[in-house]
Amino acid sequence: MSDDATAFVPGHVTGFFSAHPADDPAVAGSRGAGLTLSHGVTVTVEPAQETTVSLDGEAVEMPPVADVLRALGVTAAVDAESDLPLGAGFGVSGAMALGTALAANAVFGCGRSENELVTLAHVAEVRAGTGLGDVVAQARGGMPVRVEPGAPDYGRMDGIPARPEIEYVAFGGLSTADVLSGDTAALTAAGETALEALRAEPTLDRFVAESRLFARDAGLLTDRVEAAIDDVRAAGGDGSMAMLGETVFAVGSGLSDAGYDPERCRVHPAGATLRSD
């Protein structure tokens, strides 16, 4: 057992998805596509008498993190620092669950494989209703395409070979649990159509265009998001909405060119990893 361990998990923006629930949370998940970000979550785990979880110095309730620690049979202090806002479509809860799994495995010598740890975090997210596909995407990195849903033993992944610069503006949050617990028939139909089109033409431009069409067809656009996307397109760029948050992302300088003051990062070249320092 070591004193502590730290993992970095990239943020993840889902452009479009279809929901695939199942009785077994390891089988449940989503199909779709997104991009991982160089902005992400750094999670440090150290042994403790009782489990505590903090995000950017504030104590938080984070059921997926607690679930991961219970599954590993340990108690720990989990301290997360994030470049990204919680609940705005960046996969922060998934990142905290996955980072906790990786770091706790190292601290406590649990002896689990990467796929086992990804599965623990994915199952915790599904059980909490906070995500269906963030964890497996964050474990892969790049611009992941979720061809089949579920944890590593069940899901199947592909990717778009592009690593562009990304801008984003977060106006506020949306409740993932509320959306996923409602009627997802229209959303899933739109997501399946988008995935079919992207797999026929797996390019960055097609991903952004299909994401934008999905947001409209799934009925998820808010007025502020729709206006920002229109502004980006009027300025000669393209962008879409992060699922699920009131957030707009664009490739390159799309939001800057449209007069916004966005955050800037890149598509992350790799998935979640332990830090050696």
Protein backbone atom coordinates (compact mmCIF):
# COMPACT_ATOMS: atom_id res chain seq x y z
CA MET A 1 0.00 0.00 0.00
CA SER A 2 1.35 3.42 -0.96
CA ASP A 3 0.60 6.81 0.61
CA ASP A 4 -1.41 8.11 -2.34
CA ALA A 5 -1.81 7.92 -6.12
CA THR A 6 -3.04 10.34 -8.75
CA ALA A 7 -4.79 9.75 -12.06
CA PHE A 8 -5.68 12.14 -14.88
CA VAL A 9 -8.90 11.54 -16.82
CA PRO A 10 -9.74 13.65 -19.88
CA GLY A 11 -13.07 15.40 -20.09
CA HIS A 12 -15.50 13.94 -22.60
CA VAL A 13 -18.04 15.70 -24.79
CA THR A 14 -20.67 13.47 -26.37
CA GLY A 15 -21.87 14.80 -29.71
CA PHE A 16 -24.68 12.30 -30.16
CA PHE A 17 -25.80 9.02 -28.63
CA SER A 18 -28.49 6.38 -28.41
CA ALA A 19 -29.45 4.90 -25.04
CA HIS A 20 -29.31 1.14 -24.50
CA PRO A 21 -30.50 0.17 -21.00
CA ALA A 22 -30.11 -3.36 -19.64
CA ASP A 23 -30.69 -5.16 -16.36
CA ASP A 24 -26.94 -5.74 -16.06
CA PRO A 25 -25.26 -2.30 -15.77
CA ALA A 26 -22.10 -3.68 -17.38
CA VAL A 27 -24.14 -4.48 -20.50
CA ALA A 28 -26.06 -1.19 -20.46
CA GLY A 29 -24.59 1.83 -22.15
CA SER A 30 -24.81 3.98 -25.23
CA ARG A 31 -23.78 4.03 -28.84
CA GLY A 32 -22.54 7.29 -30.29
CA ALA A 33 -19.50 9.51 -30.71
CA GLY A 34 -17.68 12.28 -28.93
CA LEU A 35 -14.32 13.80 -28.21
CA THR A 36 -12.04 13.72 -25.18
CA LEU A 37 -10.44 16.92 -23.98
CA SER A 38 -7.02 17.96 -22.73
CA HIS A 39 -9.02 19.71 -20.01
CA GLY A 40 -10.04 17.06 -17.53
CA VAL A 41 -10.07 15.85 -13.95
CA THR A 42 -7.11 15.02 -11.73
CA VAL A 43 -8.02 12.56 -8.95
CA THR A 44 -5.84 11.83 -5.93
CA VAL A 45 -6.68 8.94 -3.60
CA GLU A 46 -5.18 8.22 -0.20
CA PRO A 47 -6.18 5.75 2.54
CA ALA A 48 -8.60 7.03 5.17
CA GLN A 49 -10.72 5.69 8.01
CA GLU A 50 -13.88 6.78 6.20
CA THR A 51 -14.58 7.75 2.63
CA THR A 52 -14.70 11.45 1.77
CA VAL A 53 -14.96 13.04 -1.66
CA SER A 54 -14.06 16.60 -2.63
CA LEU A 55 -14.07 18.50 -5.92
CA ASP A 56 -11.97 21.65 -6.20
CA GLY A 57 -11.67 21.79 -2.42
CA GLU A 58 -15.39 21.44 -1.69
CA ALA A 59 -17.00 18.33 -0.18
CA VAL A 60 -19.41 16.73 -2.68
CA GLU A 61 -21.80 13.81 -2.85
CA MET A 62 -20.58 11.65 -5.73
CA PRO A 63 -22.35 8.25 -5.69
CA PRO A 64 -20.28 6.73 -8.55
CA VAL A 65 -17.06 7.39 -6.63
CA ALA A 66 -18.43 5.84 -3.43
CA ASP A 67 -19.69 2.86 -5.47
CA VAL A 68 -16.24 2.26 -6.98
CA LEU A 69 -14.57 2.30 -3.56
CA ARG A 70 -17.18 -0.11 -2.16
CA ALA A 71 -16.60 -2.46 -5.09
CA LEU A 72 -12.86 -2.43 -4.35
CA GLY A 73 -13.51 -2.95 -0.62
CA VAL A 74 -11.62 0.14 0.52
CA THR A 75 -12.21 3.48 2.23
CA ALA A 76 -10.32 6.52 1.04
CA ALA A 77 -10.10 10.29 0.81
CA VAL A 78 -10.72 11.25 -2.81
CA ASP A 79 -9.65 14.74 -3.87
CA ALA A 80 -10.49 15.82 -7.42
CA GLU A 81 -9.48 18.97 -9.26
CA SER A 82 -11.16 19.85 -12.54
CA ASP A 83 -10.75 22.37 -15.35
CA LEU A 84 -14.38 21.67 -16.25
CA PRO A 85 -17.75 22.53 -14.68
CA LEU A 86 -19.83 19.75 -13.13
CA GLY A 87 -23.13 18.87 -14.79
CA ALA A 88 -22.46 20.74 -18.04
CA GLY A 89 -21.81 17.82 -20.39
CA PHE A 90 -18.10 17.17 -19.80
CA GLY A 91 -18.27 13.76 -18.08
CA VAL A 92 -16.87 15.03 -14.78
CA SER A 93 -18.64 12.38 -12.67
CA GLY A 94 -17.43 9.63 -15.00
CA ALA A 95 -13.91 11.04 -14.83
CA MET A 96 -14.02 11.06 -11.04
CA ALA A 97 -15.24 7.46 -10.95
CA LEU A 98 -12.60 6.24 -13.40
CA GLY A 99 -9.81 8.25 -11.80
CA THR A 100 -10.79 6.87 -8.40
CA ALA A 101 -10.72 3.31 -9.74
CA LEU A 102 -7.25 3.72 -11.25
CA ALA A 103 -5.74 5.54 -8.27
CA ALA A 104 -7.35 3.36 -5.58
CA ASN A 105 -6.17 0.22 -7.36
CA ALA A 106 -2.61 1.57 -7.18
CA VAL A 107 -2.82 2.80 -3.58
CA PHE A 108 -4.35 -0.34 -2.12
CA GLY A 109 -2.70 -2.90 -4.40
CA CYS A 110 -6.06 -4.30 -5.52
CA GLY A 111 -4.54 -6.11 -8.48
CA ARG A 112 -7.31 -5.29 -10.95
CA SER A 113 -6.71 -4.99 -14.69
CA GLU A 114 -7.50 -1.84 -16.69
CA ASN A 115 -10.64 -3.38 -18.18
CA GLU A 116 -11.82 -4.45 -14.72
CA LEU A 117 -11.34 -0.91 -13.40
CA VAL A 118 -13.09 0.65 -16.38
CA THR A 119 -15.97 -1.77 -15.79
CA LEU A 120 -16.24 -0.82 -12.11
CA ALA A 121 -16.44 2.87 -13.03
CA HIS A 122 -18.88 2.29 -15.90
CA VAL A 123 -21.18 0.21 -13.71
CA ALA A 124 -21.08 2.87 -10.98
CA GLU A 125 -22.05 5.59 -13.49
CA VAL A 126 -24.92 3.56 -14.94
CA ARG A 127 -26.26 2.72 -11.47
CA ALA A 128 -26.15 6.39 -10.47
CA GLY A 129 -27.89 7.51 -13.67
CA THR A 130 -25.12 10.02 -14.35
CA GLY A 131 -23.85 8.61 -17.64
CA LEU A 132 -23.94 5.76 -20.13
CA GLY A 133 -20.82 6.16 -22.25
CA ASP A 134 -18.41 8.67 -20.73
CA VAL A 135 -16.25 6.19 -18.84
CA VAL A 136 -15.43 3.89 -21.77
CA ALA A 137 -14.73 6.94 -23.95
CA GLN A 138 -12.48 8.52 -21.32
CA ALA A 139 -10.57 5.27 -20.98
CA ARG A 140 -9.85 5.30 -24.73
CA GLY A 141 -9.12 8.97 -25.44
CA GLY A 142 -9.03 10.73 -28.81
CA MET A 143 -12.34 10.99 -30.66
CA PRO A 144 -14.03 7.75 -29.62
CA VAL A 145 -16.93 6.16 -31.47
CA ARG A 146 -18.98 3.79 -29.34
CA VAL A 147 -20.04 1.16 -31.87
CA GLU A 148 -21.67 -1.16 -29.34
CA PRO A 149 -22.77 -0.26 -25.79
CA GLY A 150 -21.43 -1.45 -22.48
CA ALA A 151 -18.28 -2.02 -20.46
CA PRO A 152 -15.16 -3.48 -22.16
CA ASP A 153 -16.35 -7.12 -22.11
CA TYR A 154 -19.47 -6.11 -24.04
CA GLY A 155 -18.89 -2.81 -25.83
CA ARG A 156 -16.98 -2.16 -29.03
CA MET A 157 -15.07 1.02 -29.83
CA ASP A 158 -13.70 2.77 -32.91
CA GLY A 159 -12.44 6.30 -33.36
CA ILE A 160 -11.96 9.26 -35.68
CA PRO A 161 -8.26 9.88 -36.42
CA ALA A 162 -8.23 13.61 -35.73
CA ARG A 163 -6.83 15.73 -32.87
CA PRO A 164 -8.16 19.28 -33.43
CA GLU A 165 -8.21 22.29 -31.18
CA ILE A 166 -11.57 22.75 -29.44
CA GLU A 167 -13.35 25.77 -28.01
CA TYR A 168 -16.31 25.60 -25.65
CA VAL A 169 -18.69 27.84 -23.75
CA ALA A 170 -20.75 26.46 -20.84
CA PHE A 171 -23.96 28.37 -20.14
CA GLY A 172 -25.25 25.97 -17.48
CA GLY A 173 -26.12 22.38 -16.65
CA LEU A 174 -28.77 19.87 -17.59
CA SER A 175 -29.74 16.82 -15.55
CA THR A 176 -28.44 13.67 -17.23
CA ALA A 177 -30.53 11.54 -14.87
CA ASP A 178 -33.73 13.41 -15.80
CA VAL A 179 -33.14 12.97 -19.53
CA LEU A 180 -32.13 9.31 -19.28
CA SER A 181 -35.08 8.44 -17.04
CA GLY A 182 -37.59 9.95 -19.47
CA ASP A 183 -38.78 8.83 -22.90
CA THR A 184 -35.60 8.35 -24.94
CA ALA A 185 -37.24 6.92 -28.09
CA ALA A 186 -36.80 10.04 -30.25
CA LEU A 187 -33.33 10.63 -28.88
CA THR A 188 -32.24 7.07 -29.59
CA ALA A 189 -33.66 7.11 -33.13
CA ALA A 190 -31.77 10.34 -33.87
CA GLY A 191 -28.59 8.89 -32.36
CA GLU A 192 -28.79 5.73 -34.48
CA THR A 193 -29.22 7.82 -37.64
CA ALA A 194 -26.23 9.99 -36.73
CA LEU A 195 -24.01 6.99 -35.97
CA GLU A 196 -24.84 5.31 -39.27
CA ALA A 197 -23.92 8.49 -41.15
CA LEU A 198 -20.67 8.93 -39.22
CA ARG A 199 -19.55 5.35 -39.72
CA ALA A 200 -20.06 5.80 -43.47
CA GLU A 201 -17.86 8.93 -43.35
CA PRO A 202 -15.74 8.92 -40.16
CA THR A 203 -14.38 12.47 -40.34
CA LEU A 204 -14.22 15.41 -37.97
CA ASP A 205 -16.53 17.54 -40.16
CA ARG A 206 -19.13 14.77 -40.36
CA PHE A 207 -19.00 14.26 -36.59
CA VAL A 208 -19.74 17.94 -35.88
CA ALA A 209 -22.49 18.12 -38.51
CA GLU A 210 -24.22 14.96 -37.25
CA SER A 211 -23.91 16.17 -33.66
CA ARG A 212 -25.64 19.42 -34.60
CA LEU A 213 -28.45 17.60 -36.41
CA PHE A 214 -28.85 15.21 -33.48
CA ALA A 215 -29.26 18.02 -30.96
CA ARG A 216 -32.09 19.43 -33.08
CA ASP A 217 -33.80 16.13 -33.89
CA ALA A 218 -33.59 14.87 -30.30
CA GLY A 219 -35.28 18.03 -29.05
CA LEU A 220 -32.47 18.92 -26.65
CA LEU A 221 -31.49 22.39 -27.88
CA THR A 222 -32.01 25.31 -25.52
CA ASP A 223 -32.44 28.85 -26.82
CA ARG A 224 -28.96 29.95 -25.71
CA VAL A 225 -27.28 26.91 -27.24
CA GLU A 226 -29.18 27.22 -30.51
CA ALA A 227 -28.31 30.91 -30.78
CA ALA A 228 -24.60 30.24 -30.17
CA ILE A 229 -24.50 27.46 -32.77
CA ASP A 230 -26.20 29.77 -35.28
CA ASP A 231 -23.60 32.46 -34.52
CA VAL A 232 -20.73 30.00 -35.07
CA ARG A 233 -22.17 28.90 -38.42
CA ALA A 234 -22.79 32.50 -39.49
CA ALA A 235 -19.09 33.19 -38.81
CA GLY A 236 -18.08 30.32 -41.10
CA GLY A 237 -17.54 27.60 -38.51
CA ASP A 238 -19.55 24.72 -37.14
CA GLY A 239 -20.41 23.59 -33.65
CA SER A 240 -22.89 21.66 -31.58
CA MET A 241 -24.19 20.99 -28.09
CA ALA A 242 -22.45 18.85 -25.47
CA MET A 243 -24.62 15.95 -24.29
CA LEU A 244 -25.93 16.49 -21.72
CA GLY A 245 -25.29 20.08 -20.77
CA GLU A 246 -26.10 23.60 -21.84
CA THR A 247 -22.70 23.82 -23.49
CA VAL A 248 -21.60 24.64 -27.03
CA PHE A 249 -18.40 23.27 -28.53
CA ALA A 250 -16.75 24.21 -31.81
CA VAL A 251 -13.66 23.15 -33.73
CA GLY A 252 -10.72 25.53 -34.07
CA SER A 253 -11.63 29.17 -33.48
CA GLY A 254 -15.34 28.82 -34.27
CA LEU A 255 -16.64 30.39 -31.06
CA SER A 256 -13.96 33.10 -30.95
CA ASP A 257 -14.73 34.05 -34.54
CA ALA A 258 -18.40 34.35 -33.55
CA GLY A 259 -17.57 36.88 -30.83
CA TYR A 260 -17.64 34.62 -27.76
CA ASP A 261 -14.97 34.30 -25.06
CA PRO A 262 -14.55 30.52 -24.94
CA GLU A 263 -12.29 28.14 -23.09
CA ARG A 264 -9.71 26.55 -25.37
CA CYS A 265 -8.14 23.10 -25.32
CA ARG A 266 -7.34 20.19 -27.64
CA VAL A 267 -8.65 16.73 -28.24
CA HIS A 268 -6.69 14.56 -25.81
CA PRO A 269 -4.43 12.05 -27.57
CA ALA A 270 -4.76 9.30 -24.96
CA GLY A 271 -7.13 7.93 -22.35
CA ALA A 272 -7.10 8.04 -18.58
CA THR A 273 -3.76 7.30 -16.96
CA LEU A 274 -1.97 7.18 -13.64
CA ARG A 275 0.50 9.97 -13.07
CA SER A 276 4.05 9.04 -12.19
CA ASP A 277 4.83 12.19 -10.22
